[in-house]
């Protein structure tokens, strides 16, 4: 995984992507999946959504595939600092 990331997506954006909303697949491709990350917390929140709504497009296998494609980062001080800098734009 590269050291610098271009986008750090939260649970809302990730769930919209997984449900095919707002044409986010084009935006994700434009950013480059290798430049996108989600946090371990986001993955956990998506899992909760999957268990609450078994008929949803958000299911455990879709979440795993998504997380593997974009990459997961652990939450530590450096991650929160980078997250806050990315989100301010």
PDB file of N, CA and C in Angstrom:
ATOM      1  N   UNK A   1       0.835  -1.189   0.000  1.00  0.00           N
ATOM      2  CA  UNK A   1       0.000   0.000   0.000  1.00  0.00           C
ATOM      3  C   UNK A   1       0.875   1.246   0.000  1.00  0.00           C
ATOM      4  N   UNK A   2       0.509   2.218  -0.805  1.00  0.00           N
ATOM      5  CA  UNK A   2       1.294   3.449  -0.811  1.00  0.00           C
ATOM      6  C   UNK A   2       1.188   4.174   0.518  1.00  0.00           C
ATOM      7  N   UNK A   3       2.213   4.974   0.852  1.00  0.00           N
ATOM      8  CA  UNK A   3       2.198   5.715   2.095  1.00  0.00           C
ATOM      9  C   UNK A   3       1.162   6.819   2.112  1.00  0.00           C
ATOM     10  N   UNK A   4       0.992   7.501   1.006  1.00  0.00           N
ATOM     11  CA  UNK A   4       0.023   8.592   0.934  1.00  0.00           C
ATOM     12  C   UNK A   4      -1.260   8.090   0.296  1.00  0.00           C
ATOM     13  N   UNK A   5      -2.366   8.569   0.832  1.00  0.00           N
ATOM     14  CA  UNK A   5      -3.655   8.220   0.250  1.00  0.00           C
ATOM     15  C   UNK A   5      -4.323   9.498  -0.225  1.00  0.00           C
ATOM     16  N   UNK A   6      -5.169   9.343  -1.210  1.00  0.00           N
ATOM     17  CA  UNK A   6      -5.848  10.489  -1.791  1.00  0.00           C
ATOM     18  C   UNK A   6      -7.243  10.664  -1.207  1.00  0.00           C
ATOM     19  N   UNK A   7      -7.830   9.574  -0.737  1.00  0.00           N
ATOM     20  CA  UNK A   7      -9.189   9.638  -0.213  1.00  0.00           C
ATOM     21  C   UNK A   7      -9.346   8.637   0.927  1.00  0.00           C
ATOM     22  N   UNK A   8     -10.060   9.078   1.939  1.00  0.00           N
ATOM     23  CA  UNK A   8     -10.335   8.256   3.110  1.00  0.00           C
ATOM     24  C   UNK A   8     -11.840   8.312   3.297  1.00  0.00           C
ATOM     25  N   UNK A   9     -12.542   7.246   2.919  1.00  0.00           N
ATOM     26  CA  UNK A   9     -14.006   7.297   2.898  1.00  0.00           C
ATOM     27  C   UNK A   9     -14.623   6.764   4.175  1.00  0.00           C
ATOM     28  N   UNK A  10     -15.678   7.451   4.593  1.00  0.00           N
ATOM     29  CA  UNK A  10     -16.388   7.070   5.806  1.00  0.00           C
ATOM     30  C   UNK A  10     -17.487   6.054   5.479  1.00  0.00           C
ATOM     31  N   UNK A  11     -18.257   5.710   6.482  1.00  0.00           N
ATOM     32  CA  UNK A  11     -19.299   4.693   6.338  1.00  0.00           C
ATOM     33  C   UNK A  11     -20.385   5.100   5.352  1.00  0.00           C
ATOM     34  N   UNK A  12     -20.786   6.372   5.392  1.00  0.00           N
ATOM     35  CA  UNK A  12     -21.844   6.825   4.486  1.00  0.00           C
ATOM     36  C   UNK A  12     -21.426   6.690   3.024  1.00  0.00           C
ATOM     37  N   UNK A  13     -20.280   7.244   2.678  1.00  0.00           N
ATOM     38  CA  UNK A  13     -19.812   7.183   1.291  1.00  0.00           C
ATOM     39  C   UNK A  13     -19.610   5.727   0.871  1.00  0.00           C
ATOM     40  N   UNK A  14     -19.034   4.929   1.734  1.00  0.00           N
ATOM     41  CA  UNK A  14     -18.797   3.517   1.417  1.00  0.00           C
ATOM     42  C   UNK A  14     -20.111   2.771   1.205  1.00  0.00           C
ATOM     43  N   UNK A  15     -21.106   3.040   2.029  1.00  0.00           N
ATOM     44  CA  UNK A  15     -22.392   2.351   1.861  1.00  0.00           C
ATOM     45  C   UNK A  15     -23.094   2.814   0.592  1.00  0.00           C
ATOM     46  N   UNK A  16     -22.989   4.090   0.250  1.00  0.00           N
ATOM     47  CA  UNK A  16     -23.563   4.573  -1.020  1.00  0.00           C
ATOM     48  C   UNK A  16     -22.904   3.863  -2.199  1.00  0.00           C
ATOM     49  N   UNK A  17     -21.583   3.724  -2.136  1.00  0.00           N
ATOM     50  CA  UNK A  17     -20.869   3.030  -3.204  1.00  0.00           C
ATOM     51  C   UNK A  17     -21.356   1.586  -3.321  1.00  0.00           C
ATOM     52  N   UNK A  18     -21.416   0.889  -2.208  1.00  0.00           N
ATOM     53  CA  UNK A  18     -21.817  -0.519  -2.231  1.00  0.00           C
ATOM     54  C   UNK A  18     -23.258  -0.713  -2.714  1.00  0.00           C
ATOM     55  N   UNK A  19     -24.096   0.294  -2.496  1.00  0.00           N
ATOM     56  CA  UNK A  19     -25.485   0.213  -2.960  1.00  0.00           C
ATOM     57  C   UNK A  19     -25.671   0.776  -4.366  1.00  0.00           C
ATOM     58  N   UNK A  20     -24.582   1.240  -4.981  1.00  0.00           N
ATOM     59  CA  UNK A  20     -24.658   1.751  -6.343  1.00  0.00           C
ATOM     60  C   UNK A  20     -25.343   3.097  -6.467  1.00  0.00           C
ATOM     61  N   UNK A  21     -25.254   3.899  -5.443  1.00  0.00           N
ATOM     62  CA  UNK A  21     -25.926   5.199  -5.450  1.00  0.00           C
ATOM     63  C   UNK A  21     -24.998   6.319  -5.885  1.00  0.00           C
ATOM     64  N   UNK A  22     -25.578   7.355  -6.434  1.00  0.00           N
ATOM     65  CA  UNK A  22     -24.893   8.611  -6.780  1.00  0.00           C
ATOM     66  C   UNK A  22     -23.730   8.438  -7.759  1.00  0.00           C
ATOM     67  N   UNK A  23     -23.744   7.383  -8.551  1.00  0.00           N
ATOM     68  CA  UNK A  23     -22.697   7.181  -9.562  1.00  0.00           C
ATOM     69  C   UNK A  23     -21.292   7.213  -8.954  1.00  0.00           C
ATOM     70  N   UNK A  24     -21.159   6.724  -7.743  1.00  0.00           N
ATOM     71  CA  UNK A  24     -19.870   6.785  -7.057  1.00  0.00           C
ATOM     72  C   UNK A  24     -18.823   5.870  -7.666  1.00  0.00           C
ATOM     73  N   UNK A  25     -19.235   4.852  -8.400  1.00  0.00           N
ATOM     74  CA  UNK A  25     -18.231   3.968  -8.991  1.00  0.00           C
ATOM     75  C   UNK A  25     -17.321   4.744  -9.937  1.00  0.00           C
ATOM     76  N   UNK A  26     -17.882   5.708 -10.680  1.00  0.00           N
ATOM     77  CA  UNK A  26     -17.059   6.546 -11.563  1.00  0.00           C
ATOM     78  C   UNK A  26     -16.073   7.389 -10.760  1.00  0.00           C
ATOM     79  N   UNK A  27     -16.557   7.961  -9.664  1.00  0.00           N
ATOM     80  CA  UNK A  27     -15.687   8.788  -8.816  1.00  0.00           C
ATOM     81  C   UNK A  27     -14.579   7.941  -8.185  1.00  0.00           C
ATOM     82  N   UNK A  28     -14.922   6.735  -7.750  1.00  0.00           N
ATOM     83  CA  UNK A  28     -13.922   5.855  -7.151  1.00  0.00           C
ATOM     84  C   UNK A  28     -12.870   5.485  -8.188  1.00  0.00           C
ATOM     85  N   UNK A  29     -13.308   5.158  -9.396  1.00  0.00           N
ATOM     86  CA  UNK A  29     -12.361   4.799 -10.454  1.00  0.00           C
ATOM     87  C   UNK A  29     -11.465   5.980 -10.807  1.00  0.00           C
ATOM     88  N   UNK A  30     -12.042   7.175 -10.827  1.00  0.00           N
ATOM     89  CA  UNK A  30     -11.261   8.368 -11.157  1.00  0.00           C
ATOM     90  C   UNK A  30     -10.175   8.612 -10.097  1.00  0.00           C
ATOM     91  N   UNK A  31     -10.515   8.427  -8.828  1.00  0.00           N
ATOM     92  CA  UNK A  31      -9.530   8.583  -7.753  1.00  0.00           C
ATOM     93  C   UNK A  31      -8.466   7.498  -7.827  1.00  0.00           C
ATOM     94  N   UNK A  32      -8.893   6.324  -8.284  1.00  0.00           N
ATOM     95  CA  UNK A  32      -8.014   5.161  -8.300  1.00  0.00           C
ATOM     96  C   UNK A  32      -8.183   4.384  -7.011  1.00  0.00           C
ATOM     97  N   UNK A  33      -8.689   3.165  -7.122  1.00  0.00           N
ATOM     98  CA  UNK A  33      -8.956   2.367  -5.926  1.00  0.00           C
ATOM     99  C   UNK A  33      -7.716   2.206  -5.050  1.00  0.00           C
ATOM    100  N   UNK A  34      -6.538   2.230  -5.671  1.00  0.00           N
ATOM    101  CA  UNK A  34      -5.302   2.087  -4.898  1.00  0.00           C
ATOM    102  C   UNK A  34      -5.015   3.314  -4.046  1.00  0.00           C
ATOM    103  N   UNK A  35      -5.717   4.415  -4.288  1.00  0.00           N
ATOM    104  CA  UNK A  35      -5.522   5.651  -3.522  1.00  0.00           C
ATOM    105  C   UNK A  35      -6.621   5.899  -2.492  1.00  0.00           C
ATOM    106  N   UNK A  36      -7.491   4.929  -2.324  1.00  0.00           N
ATOM    107  CA  UNK A  36      -8.638   5.066  -1.410  1.00  0.00           C
ATOM    108  C   UNK A  36      -8.448   4.113  -0.245  1.00  0.00           C
ATOM    109  N   UNK A  37      -8.819   4.571   0.938  1.00  0.00           N
ATOM    110  CA  UNK A  37      -8.785   3.717   2.126  1.00  0.00           C
ATOM    111  C   UNK A  37     -10.061   3.907   2.939  1.00  0.00           C
ATOM    112  N   UNK A  38     -10.371   2.880   3.690  1.00  0.00           N
ATOM    113  CA  UNK A  38     -11.428   2.939   4.696  1.00  0.00           C
ATOM    114  C   UNK A  38     -10.802   2.480   6.013  1.00  0.00           C
ATOM    115  N   UNK A  39     -11.396   2.898   7.092  1.00  0.00           N
ATOM    116  CA  UNK A  39     -10.868   2.494   8.394  1.00  0.00           C
ATOM    117  C   UNK A  39     -11.487   1.167   8.825  1.00  0.00           C
ATOM    118  N   UNK A  40     -10.851   0.552   9.779  1.00  0.00           N
ATOM    119  CA  UNK A  40     -11.387  -0.682  10.366  1.00  0.00           C
ATOM    120  C   UNK A  40     -12.765  -0.398  10.974  1.00  0.00           C
ATOM    121  N   UNK A  41     -12.971   0.796  11.519  1.00  0.00           N
ATOM    122  CA  UNK A  41     -14.263   1.176  12.094  1.00  0.00           C
ATOM    123  C   UNK A  41     -15.331   1.237  10.997  1.00  0.00           C
ATOM    124  N   UNK A  42     -14.995   1.784   9.845  1.00  0.00           N
ATOM    125  CA  UNK A  42     -15.942   1.841   8.726  1.00  0.00           C
ATOM    126  C   UNK A  42     -16.362   0.443   8.310  1.00  0.00           C
ATOM    127  N   UNK A  43     -15.413  -0.470   8.218  1.00  0.00           N
ATOM    128  CA  UNK A  43     -15.741  -1.852   7.853  1.00  0.00           C
ATOM    129  C   UNK A  43     -16.683  -2.453   8.890  1.00  0.00           C
ATOM    130  N   UNK A  44     -16.428  -2.215  10.160  1.00  0.00           N
ATOM    131  CA  UNK A  44     -17.298  -2.734  11.218  1.00  0.00           C
ATOM    132  C   UNK A  44     -18.703  -2.148  11.104  1.00  0.00           C
ATOM    133  N   UNK A  45     -18.801  -0.843  10.823  1.00  0.00           N
ATOM    134  CA  UNK A  45     -20.118  -0.218  10.668  1.00  0.00           C
ATOM    135  C   UNK A  45     -20.866  -0.786   9.463  1.00  0.00           C
ATOM    136  N   UNK A  46     -20.152  -1.059   8.381  1.00  0.00           N
ATOM    137  CA  UNK A  46     -20.787  -1.679   7.215  1.00  0.00           C
ATOM    138  C   UNK A  46     -21.289  -3.085   7.545  1.00  0.00           C
ATOM    139  N   UNK A  47     -20.521  -3.814   8.344  1.00  0.00           N
ATOM    140  CA  UNK A  47     -20.960  -5.153   8.773  1.00  0.00           C
ATOM    141  C   UNK A  47     -22.252  -5.070   9.586  1.00  0.00           C
ATOM    142  N   UNK A  48     -22.359  -4.066  10.450  1.00  0.00           N
ATOM    143  CA  UNK A  48     -23.593  -3.877  11.214  1.00  0.00           C
ATOM    144  C   UNK A  48     -24.764  -3.646  10.259  1.00  0.00           C
ATOM    145  N   UNK A  49     -24.572  -2.788   9.254  1.00  0.00           N
ATOM    146  CA  UNK A  49     -25.621  -2.546   8.260  1.00  0.00           C
ATOM    147  C   UNK A  49     -26.029  -3.835   7.558  1.00  0.00           C
ATOM    148  N   UNK A  50     -25.046  -4.645   7.209  1.00  0.00           N
ATOM    149  CA  UNK A  50     -25.330  -5.909   6.516  1.00  0.00           C
ATOM    150  C   UNK A  50     -26.178  -6.841   7.383  1.00  0.00           C
ATOM    151  N   UNK A  51     -25.867  -6.899   8.655  1.00  0.00           N
ATOM    152  CA  UNK A  51     -26.617  -7.782   9.554  1.00  0.00           C
ATOM    153  C   UNK A  51     -28.009  -7.242   9.864  1.00  0.00           C
ATOM    154  N   UNK A  52     -28.151  -5.936   9.874  1.00  0.00           N
ATOM    155  CA  UNK A  52     -29.463  -5.330  10.128  1.00  0.00           C
ATOM    156  C   UNK A  52     -30.395  -5.435   8.927  1.00  0.00           C
ATOM    157  N   UNK A  53     -29.815  -5.448   7.723  1.00  0.00           N
ATOM    158  CA  UNK A  53     -30.597  -5.450   6.486  1.00  0.00           C
ATOM    159  C   UNK A  53     -30.123  -6.577   5.573  1.00  0.00           C
ATOM    160  N   UNK A  54     -30.515  -7.814   5.867  1.00  0.00           N
ATOM    161  CA  UNK A  54     -30.008  -8.952   5.103  1.00  0.00           C
ATOM    162  C   UNK A  54     -30.354  -8.914   3.601  1.00  0.00           C
ATOM    163  N   UNK A  55     -31.367  -8.175   3.219  1.00  0.00           N
ATOM    164  CA  UNK A  55     -31.761  -8.094   1.810  1.00  0.00           C
ATOM    165  C   UNK A  55     -31.018  -7.001   1.045  1.00  0.00           C
ATOM    166  N   UNK A  56     -30.194  -6.235   1.722  1.00  0.00           N
ATOM    167  CA  UNK A  56     -29.475  -5.114   1.121  1.00  0.00           C
ATOM    168  C   UNK A  56     -28.337  -5.601   0.227  1.00  0.00           C
ATOM    169  N   UNK A  57     -27.883  -4.722  -0.681  1.00  0.00           N
ATOM    170  CA  UNK A  57     -26.689  -5.002  -1.484  1.00  0.00           C
ATOM    171  C   UNK A  57     -25.446  -5.022  -0.612  1.00  0.00           C
ATOM    172  N   UNK A  58     -25.562  -4.417   0.551  1.00  0.00           N
ATOM    173  CA  UNK A  58     -24.435  -4.424   1.482  1.00  0.00           C
ATOM    174  C   UNK A  58     -24.483  -5.742   2.243  1.00  0.00           C
ATOM    175  N   UNK A  59     -23.631  -6.657   1.841  1.00  0.00           N
ATOM    176  CA  UNK A  59     -23.576  -7.961   2.488  1.00  0.00           C
ATOM    177  C   UNK A  59     -22.111  -8.272   2.814  1.00  0.00           C
ATOM    178  N   UNK A  60     -21.888  -9.245   3.694  1.00  0.00           N
ATOM    179  CA  UNK A  60     -20.512  -9.508   4.129  1.00  0.00           C
ATOM    180  C   UNK A  60     -19.526  -9.767   2.985  1.00  0.00           C
ATOM    181  N   UNK A  61     -19.928 -10.483   1.951  1.00  0.00           N
ATOM    182  CA  UNK A  61     -18.968 -10.744   0.872  1.00  0.00           C
ATOM    183  C   UNK A  61     -18.676  -9.478   0.068  1.00  0.00           C
ATOM    184  N   UNK A  62     -19.675  -8.619  -0.128  1.00  0.00           N
ATOM    185  CA  UNK A  62     -19.448  -7.342  -0.823  1.00  0.00           C
ATOM    186  C   UNK A  62     -18.539  -6.442   0.001  1.00  0.00           C
ATOM    187  N   UNK A  63     -18.732  -6.447   1.308  1.00  0.00           N
ATOM    188  CA  UNK A  63     -17.890  -5.630   2.191  1.00  0.00           C
ATOM    189  C   UNK A  63     -16.445  -6.112   2.142  1.00  0.00           C
ATOM    190  N   UNK A  64     -16.243  -7.429   2.213  1.00  0.00           N
ATOM    191  CA  UNK A  64     -14.881  -7.969   2.149  1.00  0.00           C
ATOM    192  C   UNK A  64     -14.205  -7.607   0.831  1.00  0.00           C
ATOM    193  N   UNK A  65     -14.925  -7.763  -0.274  1.00  0.00           N
ATOM    194  CA  UNK A  65     -14.357  -7.438  -1.588  1.00  0.00           C
ATOM    195  C   UNK A  65     -14.006  -5.953  -1.670  1.00  0.00           C
ATOM    196  N   UNK A  66     -14.905  -5.113  -1.186  1.00  0.00           N
ATOM    197  CA  UNK A  66     -14.674  -3.668  -1.189  1.00  0.00           C
ATOM    198  C   UNK A  66     -13.447  -3.321  -0.349  1.00  0.00           C
ATOM    199  N   UNK A  67     -13.393  -3.841   0.867  1.00  0.00           N
ATOM    200  CA  UNK A  67     -12.282  -3.540   1.778  1.00  0.00           C
ATOM    201  C   UNK A  67     -10.957  -4.025   1.198  1.00  0.00           C
ATOM    202  N   UNK A  68     -10.962  -5.184   0.567  1.00  0.00           N
ATOM    203  CA  UNK A  68      -9.742  -5.710  -0.042  1.00  0.00           C
ATOM    204  C   UNK A  68      -9.297  -4.818  -1.207  1.00  0.00           C
ATOM    205  N   UNK A  69     -10.259  -4.320  -1.976  1.00  0.00           N
ATOM    206  CA  UNK A  69      -9.951  -3.498  -3.143  1.00  0.00           C
ATOM    207  C   UNK A  69      -9.376  -2.144  -2.750  1.00  0.00           C
ATOM    208  N   UNK A  70      -9.987  -1.478  -1.776  1.00  0.00           N
ATOM    209  CA  UNK A  70      -9.534  -0.132  -1.419  1.00  0.00           C
ATOM    210  C   UNK A  70      -8.466  -0.129  -0.332  1.00  0.00           C
ATOM    211  N   UNK A  71      -8.476  -1.092   0.513  1.00  0.00           N
ATOM    212  CA  UNK A  71      -7.495  -1.163   1.591  1.00  0.00           C
ATOM    213  C   UNK A  71      -8.037  -0.610   2.898  1.00  0.00           C
ATOM    214  N   UNK A  72      -7.686  -1.283   3.961  1.00  0.00           N
ATOM    215  CA  UNK A  72      -8.119  -0.904   5.307  1.00  0.00           C
ATOM    216  C   UNK A  72      -6.922  -0.350   6.063  1.00  0.00           C
ATOM    217  N   UNK A  73      -7.157   0.727   6.776  1.00  0.00           N
ATOM    218  CA  UNK A  73      -6.112   1.221   7.660  1.00  0.00           C
ATOM    219  C   UNK A  73      -6.632   1.208   9.096  1.00  0.00           C
ATOM    220  N   UNK A  74      -5.726   0.931   9.971  1.00  0.00           N
ATOM    221  CA  UNK A  74      -6.064   0.906  11.389  1.00  0.00           C
ATOM    222  C   UNK A  74      -6.173   2.339  11.890  1.00  0.00           C
ATOM    223  N   UNK A  75      -6.901   2.507  12.961  1.00  0.00           N
ATOM    224  CA  UNK A  75      -7.083   3.832  13.538  1.00  0.00           C
ATOM    225  C   UNK A  75      -6.017   4.063  14.606  1.00  0.00           C
ATOM    226  N   UNK A  76      -5.174   5.021  14.345  1.00  0.00           N
ATOM    227  CA  UNK A  76      -4.164   5.449  15.301  1.00  0.00           C
ATOM    228  C   UNK A  76      -4.050   6.971  15.179  1.00  0.00           C
ATOM    229  N   UNK A  77      -3.183   7.574  15.925  1.00  0.00           N
ATOM    230  CA  UNK A  77      -3.069   9.029  15.918  1.00  0.00           C
ATOM    231  C   UNK A  77      -2.735   9.548  14.524  1.00  0.00           C
ATOM    232  N   UNK A  78      -1.781   8.922  13.860  1.00  0.00           N
ATOM    233  CA  UNK A  78      -1.393   9.366  12.519  1.00  0.00           C
ATOM    234  C   UNK A  78      -2.570   9.263  11.543  1.00  0.00           C
ATOM    235  N   UNK A  79      -3.348   8.199  11.647  1.00  0.00           N
ATOM    236  CA  UNK A  79      -4.510   8.024  10.770  1.00  0.00           C
ATOM    237  C   UNK A  79      -5.524   9.129  11.000  1.00  0.00           C
ATOM    238  N   UNK A  80      -5.837   9.419  12.265  1.00  0.00           N
ATOM    239  CA  UNK A  80      -6.804  10.486  12.549  1.00  0.00           C
ATOM    240  C   UNK A  80      -6.313  11.832  12.049  1.00  0.00           C
ATOM    241  N   UNK A  81      -5.018  12.087  12.184  1.00  0.00           N
ATOM    242  CA  UNK A  81      -4.478  13.349  11.687  1.00  0.00           C
ATOM    243  C   UNK A  81      -4.606  13.430  10.166  1.00  0.00           C
ATOM    244  N   UNK A  82      -4.273  12.354   9.477  1.00  0.00           N
ATOM    245  CA  UNK A  82      -4.388  12.341   8.019  1.00  0.00           C
ATOM    246  C   UNK A  82      -5.849  12.460   7.603  1.00  0.00           C
ATOM    247  N   UNK A  83      -6.734  11.770   8.317  1.00  0.00           N
ATOM    248  CA  UNK A  83      -8.166  11.837   8.036  1.00  0.00           C
ATOM    249  C   UNK A  83      -8.670  13.275   8.144  1.00  0.00           C
ATOM    250  N   UNK A  84      -8.276  13.966   9.205  1.00  0.00           N
ATOM    251  CA  UNK A  84      -8.764  15.334   9.396  1.00  0.00           C
ATOM    252  C   UNK A  84      -8.239  16.275   8.313  1.00  0.00           C
ATOM    253  N   UNK A  85      -7.025  16.054   7.862  1.00  0.00           N
ATOM    254  CA  UNK A  85      -6.482  16.882   6.787  1.00  0.00           C
ATOM    255  C   UNK A  85      -7.165  16.621   5.462  1.00  0.00           C
ATOM    256  N   UNK A  86      -7.456  15.362   5.174  1.00  0.00           N
ATOM    257  CA  UNK A  86      -8.146  15.021   3.918  1.00  0.00           C
ATOM    258  C   UNK A  86      -9.569  15.532   3.937  1.00  0.00           C
ATOM    259  N   UNK A  87     -10.278  15.360   5.038  1.00  0.00           N
ATOM    260  CA  UNK A  87     -11.695  15.738   5.126  1.00  0.00           C
ATOM    261  C   UNK A  87     -11.916  17.243   5.122  1.00  0.00           C
ATOM    262  N   UNK A  88     -10.897  18.033   5.437  1.00  0.00           N
ATOM    263  CA  UNK A  88     -11.112  19.484   5.483  1.00  0.00           C
ATOM    264  C   UNK A  88     -11.307  20.070   4.081  1.00  0.00           C
ATOM    265  N   UNK A  89     -10.925  19.354   3.046  1.00  0.00           N
ATOM    266  CA  UNK A  89     -11.050  19.868   1.674  1.00  0.00           C
ATOM    267  C   UNK A  89     -12.390  19.550   1.086  1.00  0.00           C
TER     268      UNK A  89
END
